[in-house]
Amino acid sequence: MSNFYIPPEGIYFRLLGYVSQNVLFARYVDPPFGQVPREPVYEDQYFTLIHGTGAREGTYAIKSLKTGYVLFSRRTRQPYVGIVSGNGQYNDNWFEIKPGTGQYAQQFQLITPSNNLVLYSRTNAAPYIGNVYTYDYYSDQYFSFLWEDMQVDKVEYDLKLGQIVSSTPLIIANQTLTNNSSHEQEMSFALNETVTHTSTFEYSLGLTITVGTKFKAGVPIVAEAEFSLDFSVSNQFTWGQTTEFSESYTATFPVKAGPGKTVRAVSTVNKGELKVPYTIILSSKRTGVKTETKGIWHGVSTWDLRHTISED
């Protein structure tokens, strides 16, 4: 339960039925409440949560963006499920959000503790939106959040908890220079090589960012086993994808070769997998309300350039 994300008031979402694949709506015209296919998207499909306090702590009123009304679930009179004004003044306006498990992970049931009813959303029989008592258990009782557009404000890394998961030497240049003269010569080696780094954000908890969302952030790097952030390149990331970017190594250094000698220069770096915990700060484009997403950043990177000079 503790890892299941419940948004603060002011973060808006649509409620998607697991079985029906329809979303709920609330509006002023008839019918004032119901369900429709998830596409196209309209404002009357968005809701936010009012968090209960006192005796209602741990329960939530589900408030419509369009009407300002909240959902109710009852059996005392028709309609059994609908919307009403009042910001949650009635007991049947307050829902427990009960997370699912197994195949229903990231899904949840909407239960009104005051009357022990659970909502359902279906397409095979009317009424398509309704409620049953919680002892009747069906898969059409599960819903999920479809989030409004969110803006990534910043990405914070916990560099103190960064780990080098694996590390192996990688030869990026192997050069030889031969002195065919009868006296010592000074020569120079030039290094100009590019390697590919990768970057992936793995989700752990918090608001699930929409796949395809683009954002910019620094990249964790390591030098002499110490983690820091690289802002030298403005990296654009796409959530749900692995991002590739290039790291260039350049160097010029002189060497001396004796008569008839061959000098070899080998340039190596460490290449390995890094992981660093992150927190992404997001805000609602509609309200500016902030929330967080947490997880682990994974990267394949190189570090600690070294040159080895030998003479044959």
Protein backbone atom coordinates (compact mmCIF):
# COMPACT_ATOMS: atom_id res chain seq x y z
CA MET A 1 0.00 0.00 0.00
CA SER A 2 2.78 2.46 0.92
CA ASN A 3 4.28 2.28 -2.59
CA PHE A 4 0.97 2.91 -4.35
CA TYR A 5 0.85 6.49 -5.56
CA ILE A 6 -2.16 8.59 -4.61
CA PRO A 7 -1.99 12.12 -6.05
CA PRO A 8 -2.44 15.35 -4.10
CA GLU A 9 -5.42 17.60 -4.72
CA GLY A 10 -4.83 19.64 -7.86
CA ILE A 11 -3.29 16.83 -9.89
CA TYR A 12 -5.95 15.77 -12.40
CA PHE A 13 -6.53 12.34 -13.89
CA ARG A 14 -9.01 10.27 -15.85
CA LEU A 15 -10.42 7.05 -14.41
CA LEU A 16 -10.01 4.14 -16.83
CA GLY A 17 -12.00 0.94 -16.35
CA TYR A 18 -9.80 -2.16 -16.52
CA VAL A 19 -12.37 -4.30 -18.34
CA SER A 20 -14.37 -1.68 -20.23
CA GLN A 21 -11.37 0.44 -21.29
CA ASN A 22 -13.74 3.37 -20.95
CA VAL A 23 -13.23 6.51 -18.87
CA LEU A 24 -15.71 8.20 -16.56
CA PHE A 25 -17.13 11.66 -17.29
CA ALA A 26 -19.10 14.28 -15.34
CA ARG A 27 -20.88 17.23 -16.95
CA TYR A 28 -23.86 19.57 -16.68
CA VAL A 29 -25.89 18.25 -19.64
CA ASP A 30 -27.70 14.90 -19.77
CA PRO A 31 -26.47 12.39 -19.02
CA PRO A 32 -24.54 14.13 -16.22
CA PHE A 33 -22.40 11.07 -15.45
CA GLY A 34 -21.29 7.98 -17.36
CA GLN A 35 -18.48 6.44 -19.35
CA VAL A 36 -17.09 6.88 -22.86
CA PRO A 37 -14.14 5.49 -24.86
CA ARG A 38 -10.78 6.85 -23.71
CA GLU A 39 -10.25 8.64 -27.04
CA PRO A 40 -10.87 11.46 -27.82
CA VAL A 41 -10.01 13.29 -24.60
CA TYR A 42 -12.36 15.94 -23.17
CA GLU A 43 -12.20 18.17 -20.09
CA ASP A 44 -15.28 16.52 -18.55
CA GLN A 45 -13.26 13.29 -18.13
CA TYR A 46 -10.87 14.78 -15.56
CA PHE A 47 -11.13 14.47 -11.79
CA THR A 48 -8.99 15.27 -8.75
CA LEU A 49 -8.97 13.97 -5.18
CA ILE A 50 -10.03 15.69 -1.99
CA HIS A 51 -8.08 14.03 0.82
CA GLY A 52 -10.14 13.15 3.86
CA THR A 53 -9.12 14.37 7.31
CA GLY A 54 -10.06 13.36 10.85
CA ALA A 55 -12.51 10.46 10.81
CA ARG A 56 -12.27 10.38 6.99
CA GLU A 57 -8.48 10.17 6.84
CA GLY A 58 -7.44 7.51 4.32
CA THR A 59 -10.50 8.10 2.14
CA TYR A 60 -10.98 10.44 -0.81
CA ALA A 61 -13.72 12.41 -2.51
CA ILE A 62 -13.42 12.31 -6.31
CA LYS A 63 -14.12 15.79 -7.67
CA SER A 64 -14.94 16.64 -11.29
CA LEU A 65 -12.89 19.30 -13.06
CA LYS A 66 -15.83 20.32 -15.24
CA THR A 67 -18.61 20.56 -12.66
CA GLY A 68 -16.89 20.73 -9.28
CA TYR A 69 -19.23 17.94 -8.13
CA VAL A 70 -18.07 14.75 -6.42
CA LEU A 71 -18.90 11.10 -7.04
CA PHE A 72 -21.32 9.19 -4.83
CA SER A 73 -21.96 5.45 -4.49
CA ARG A 74 -25.12 4.31 -2.69
CA ARG A 75 -27.93 1.75 -2.70
CA THR A 76 -30.64 3.78 -0.93
CA ARG A 77 -32.11 5.27 -4.13
CA GLN A 78 -31.50 5.60 -7.86
CA PRO A 79 -29.16 6.48 -9.39
CA TYR A 80 -26.81 4.29 -7.40
CA VAL A 81 -23.72 6.03 -8.80
CA GLY A 82 -23.46 9.63 -9.93
CA ILE A 83 -22.28 13.12 -9.00
CA VAL A 84 -23.48 15.59 -6.39
CA SER A 85 -22.50 19.04 -5.15
CA GLY A 86 -21.09 19.65 -1.70
CA ASN A 87 -17.37 18.78 -1.78
CA GLY A 88 -17.96 15.53 0.08
CA GLN A 89 -20.58 16.39 2.69
CA TYR A 90 -22.13 12.91 2.50
CA ASN A 91 -20.56 9.67 3.69
CA ASP A 92 -21.21 7.97 0.34
CA ASN A 93 -18.92 10.55 -1.33
CA TRP A 94 -15.80 9.11 0.35
CA PHE A 95 -13.88 6.28 -1.27
CA GLU A 96 -11.08 4.00 -0.20
CA ILE A 97 -8.58 3.50 -3.02
CA LYS A 98 -7.62 -0.15 -2.64
CA PRO A 99 -4.59 -1.18 -4.77
CA GLY A 100 -4.72 -4.40 -6.75
CA THR A 101 -2.10 -7.13 -6.82
CA GLY A 102 -0.83 -9.64 -9.39
CA GLN A 103 -2.46 -9.00 -12.76
CA TYR A 104 -4.18 -5.97 -11.21
CA ALA A 105 -0.97 -4.23 -10.15
CA GLN A 106 -1.23 -0.48 -10.83
CA GLN A 107 -5.02 -0.93 -10.76
CA PHE A 108 -7.30 -0.21 -7.82
CA GLN A 109 -10.84 -0.61 -6.51
CA LEU A 110 -13.00 2.32 -5.43
CA ILE A 111 -14.81 1.30 -2.24
CA THR A 112 -17.15 3.41 -0.09
CA PRO A 113 -16.54 2.21 3.51
CA SER A 114 -19.79 3.79 4.71
CA ASN A 115 -21.88 1.23 2.82
CA ASN A 116 -19.33 -1.42 1.74
CA LEU A 117 -19.95 -0.87 -1.98
CA VAL A 118 -17.41 -1.05 -4.81
CA LEU A 119 -17.72 0.62 -8.23
CA TYR A 120 -17.62 -1.28 -11.52
CA SER A 121 -17.27 -0.32 -15.19
CA ARG A 122 -18.41 -2.74 -17.89
CA THR A 123 -19.79 -2.87 -21.43
CA ASN A 124 -21.56 -6.24 -21.54
CA ALA A 125 -24.67 -5.40 -19.49
CA ALA A 126 -26.56 -2.33 -18.28
CA PRO A 127 -26.08 -0.46 -16.05
CA TYR A 128 -22.60 0.02 -17.41
CA ILE A 129 -21.44 2.06 -14.41
CA GLY A 130 -22.69 0.86 -11.05
CA ASN A 131 -21.83 -0.69 -7.73
CA VAL A 132 -22.06 -4.01 -5.92
CA TYR A 133 -21.26 -5.10 -2.40
CA THR A 134 -17.61 -5.88 -1.83
CA TYR A 135 -18.23 -9.59 -1.25
CA ASP A 136 -19.07 -9.81 -4.98
CA TYR A 137 -15.65 -9.78 -6.63
CA TYR A 138 -15.17 -9.17 -10.38
CA SER A 139 -12.39 -7.83 -12.59
CA ASP A 140 -14.64 -5.00 -13.83
CA GLN A 141 -14.20 -3.37 -10.40
CA TYR A 142 -10.66 -2.25 -11.21
CA PHE A 143 -9.63 1.18 -12.45
CA SER A 144 -6.38 3.01 -13.18
CA PHE A 145 -5.26 6.63 -13.38
CA LEU A 146 -4.60 8.30 -16.73
CA TRP A 147 -2.72 11.45 -15.81
CA GLU A 148 -3.11 14.94 -17.20
CA ASP A 149 -0.16 16.53 -19.00
CA MET A 150 2.68 17.04 -16.55
CA GLN A 151 5.80 19.15 -16.90
CA VAL A 152 9.21 17.90 -15.75
CA ASP A 153 10.69 20.73 -13.68
CA LYS A 154 13.98 19.12 -12.68
CA VAL A 155 15.78 15.84 -12.09
CA GLU A 156 17.65 15.32 -8.83
CA TYR A 157 20.17 12.49 -8.35
CA ASP A 158 21.27 11.04 -5.02
CA LEU A 159 24.93 10.81 -6.01
CA LYS A 160 25.99 9.57 -2.58
CA LEU A 161 24.08 6.35 -3.31
CA GLY A 162 25.52 5.93 -6.81
CA GLN A 163 26.99 2.52 -7.59
CA ILE A 164 29.44 1.16 -10.15
CA VAL A 165 27.68 -2.09 -11.02
CA SER A 166 30.38 -3.36 -13.38
CA SER A 167 33.67 -2.08 -14.76
CA THR A 168 36.12 -3.42 -17.35
CA PRO A 169 39.05 -1.76 -19.18
CA LEU A 170 38.30 -0.67 -22.75
CA ILE A 171 41.09 0.09 -25.22
CA ILE A 172 40.01 3.08 -27.29
CA ALA A 173 43.32 3.65 -29.11
CA ASN A 174 46.42 1.57 -29.84
CA GLN A 175 49.11 3.46 -31.76
CA THR A 176 52.74 2.75 -32.70
CA LEU A 177 55.49 5.04 -33.96
CA THR A 178 58.82 3.70 -35.27
CA ASN A 179 62.07 5.68 -35.31
CA ASN A 180 64.07 4.41 -38.30
CA SER A 181 66.79 7.02 -37.86
CA SER A 182 70.15 6.63 -36.13
CA HIS A 183 69.43 9.20 -33.43
CA GLU A 184 66.76 9.83 -30.83
CA GLN A 185 63.62 11.55 -32.07
CA GLU A 186 60.73 13.27 -30.35
CA MET A 187 57.37 12.29 -31.77
CA SER A 188 53.76 12.87 -30.74
CA PHE A 189 50.66 10.76 -30.36
CA ALA A 190 47.21 12.19 -31.03
CA LEU A 191 44.01 10.72 -29.61
CA ASN A 192 40.60 11.59 -31.00
CA GLU A 193 38.07 8.86 -30.25
CA THR A 194 34.33 8.79 -29.55
CA VAL A 195 32.44 6.23 -27.47
CA THR A 196 28.71 5.78 -26.98
CA HIS A 197 27.06 6.18 -23.59
CA THR A 198 23.49 5.16 -22.77
CA SER A 199 20.99 6.44 -20.23
CA THR A 200 17.72 4.92 -18.96
CA PHE A 201 15.31 5.94 -16.20
CA GLU A 202 13.68 3.03 -14.36
CA TYR A 203 10.43 3.85 -12.54
CA SER A 204 9.99 2.76 -8.92
CA LEU A 205 7.20 4.81 -7.34
CA GLY A 206 5.24 8.04 -7.59
CA LEU A 207 3.31 9.42 -10.52
CA THR A 208 3.87 7.36 -13.67
CA ILE A 209 5.22 9.64 -16.38
CA THR A 210 3.58 9.31 -19.79
CA VAL A 211 5.74 7.36 -22.25
CA GLY A 212 7.17 9.77 -24.80
CA THR A 213 7.47 12.73 -22.42
CA LYS A 214 10.60 14.73 -23.26
CA PHE A 215 12.79 16.50 -20.70
CA LYS A 216 16.34 17.72 -20.14
CA ALA A 217 18.70 16.79 -17.33
CA GLY A 218 22.33 16.35 -16.41
CA VAL A 219 23.97 12.94 -16.54
CA PRO A 220 25.75 11.17 -13.66
CA ILE A 221 29.43 10.54 -14.35
CA VAL A 222 32.21 8.99 -12.31
CA ALA A 223 35.89 9.81 -11.94
CA GLU A 224 38.22 8.02 -9.55
CA ALA A 225 35.20 6.25 -8.02
CA GLU A 226 33.46 9.56 -7.20
CA PHE A 227 30.09 10.47 -8.75
CA SER A 228 29.24 13.92 -10.07
CA LEU A 229 26.91 15.47 -12.66
CA ASP A 230 27.85 16.39 -16.21
CA PHE A 231 26.00 19.46 -17.52
CA SER A 232 28.45 20.12 -20.34
CA VAL A 233 26.00 18.63 -22.82
CA SER A 234 22.31 19.42 -22.58
CA ASN A 235 20.85 15.96 -22.86
CA GLN A 236 17.29 15.55 -24.06
CA PHE A 237 15.63 12.41 -22.73
CA THR A 238 12.45 10.66 -23.79
CA TRP A 239 10.66 8.82 -21.01
CA GLY A 240 10.37 5.09 -21.70
CA GLN A 241 13.33 5.02 -24.10
CA THR A 242 17.07 4.45 -23.80
CA THR A 243 18.95 7.60 -24.78
CA GLU A 244 22.33 7.38 -26.51
CA PHE A 245 24.89 10.16 -26.57
CA SER A 246 28.56 10.46 -27.47
CA GLU A 247 31.59 11.10 -25.30
CA SER A 248 34.74 12.31 -27.07
CA TYR A 249 38.27 11.75 -25.82
CA THR A 250 41.00 13.94 -27.27
CA ALA A 251 44.64 14.22 -26.26
CA THR A 252 48.05 14.99 -27.72
CA PHE A 253 51.23 14.03 -25.91
CA PRO A 254 54.93 13.88 -26.92
CA VAL A 255 57.14 10.78 -26.66
CA LYS A 256 60.81 10.11 -27.31
CA ALA A 257 61.94 7.12 -29.35
CA GLY A 258 65.51 5.88 -29.44
CA PRO A 259 67.29 4.98 -32.69
CA GLY A 260 65.61 2.00 -34.36
CA LYS A 261 63.01 1.80 -31.59
CA THR A 262 59.23 1.48 -31.81
CA VAL A 263 57.09 3.29 -29.28
CA ARG A 264 53.59 2.02 -28.50
CA ALA A 265 50.87 4.12 -26.87
CA VAL A 266 47.73 2.44 -25.55
CA SER A 267 44.83 4.59 -24.36
CA THR A 268 42.25 2.93 -22.13
CA VAL A 269 39.15 3.90 -20.18
CA ASN A 270 36.97 2.06 -17.73
CA LYS A 271 33.64 1.07 -19.23
CA GLY A 272 30.81 -0.16 -17.09
CA GLU A 273 27.27 0.12 -15.81
CA LEU A 274 26.31 2.80 -13.31
CA LYS A 275 23.14 3.22 -11.29
CA VAL A 276 22.00 6.21 -9.27
CA PRO A 277 18.68 6.86 -7.47
CA TYR A 278 16.76 9.83 -8.85
CA THR A 279 13.79 12.01 -8.00
CA ILE A 280 11.95 13.82 -10.79
CA ILE A 281 9.98 16.91 -9.75
CA LEU A 282 6.88 17.40 -11.90
CA SER A 283 4.14 20.00 -11.96
CA SER A 284 0.65 20.08 -13.41
CA LYS A 285 0.48 22.21 -16.55
CA ARG A 286 -3.06 23.08 -15.48
CA THR A 287 -2.62 24.02 -11.82
CA GLY A 288 1.12 24.13 -11.11
CA VAL A 289 0.70 21.61 -8.26
CA LYS A 290 3.91 19.65 -7.81
CA THR A 291 4.53 15.95 -7.27
CA GLU A 292 7.39 13.47 -7.61
CA THR A 293 8.48 10.35 -9.44
CA LYS A 294 11.29 8.20 -8.01
CA GLY A 295 13.39 5.43 -9.43
CA ILE A 296 16.85 4.34 -10.54
CA TRP A 297 18.87 5.87 -13.35
CA HIS A 298 20.92 3.29 -15.28
CA GLY A 299 23.79 4.25 -17.53
CA VAL A 300 26.54 2.62 -19.54
CA SER A 301 29.46 5.01 -19.31
CA THR A 302 33.24 5.36 -19.59
CA TRP A 303 35.64 7.14 -17.26
CA ASP A 304 39.26 7.52 -16.11
CA LEU A 305 41.24 7.92 -19.35
CA ARG A 306 44.78 6.52 -19.04
CA HIS A 307 47.76 6.31 -21.42
CA THR A 308 50.44 3.62 -21.29
CA ILE A 309 53.70 4.20 -23.19
CA SER A 310 56.11 1.35 -23.95
CA GLU A 311 59.22 1.01 -26.15
CA ASP A 312 60.24 -2.07 -28.12
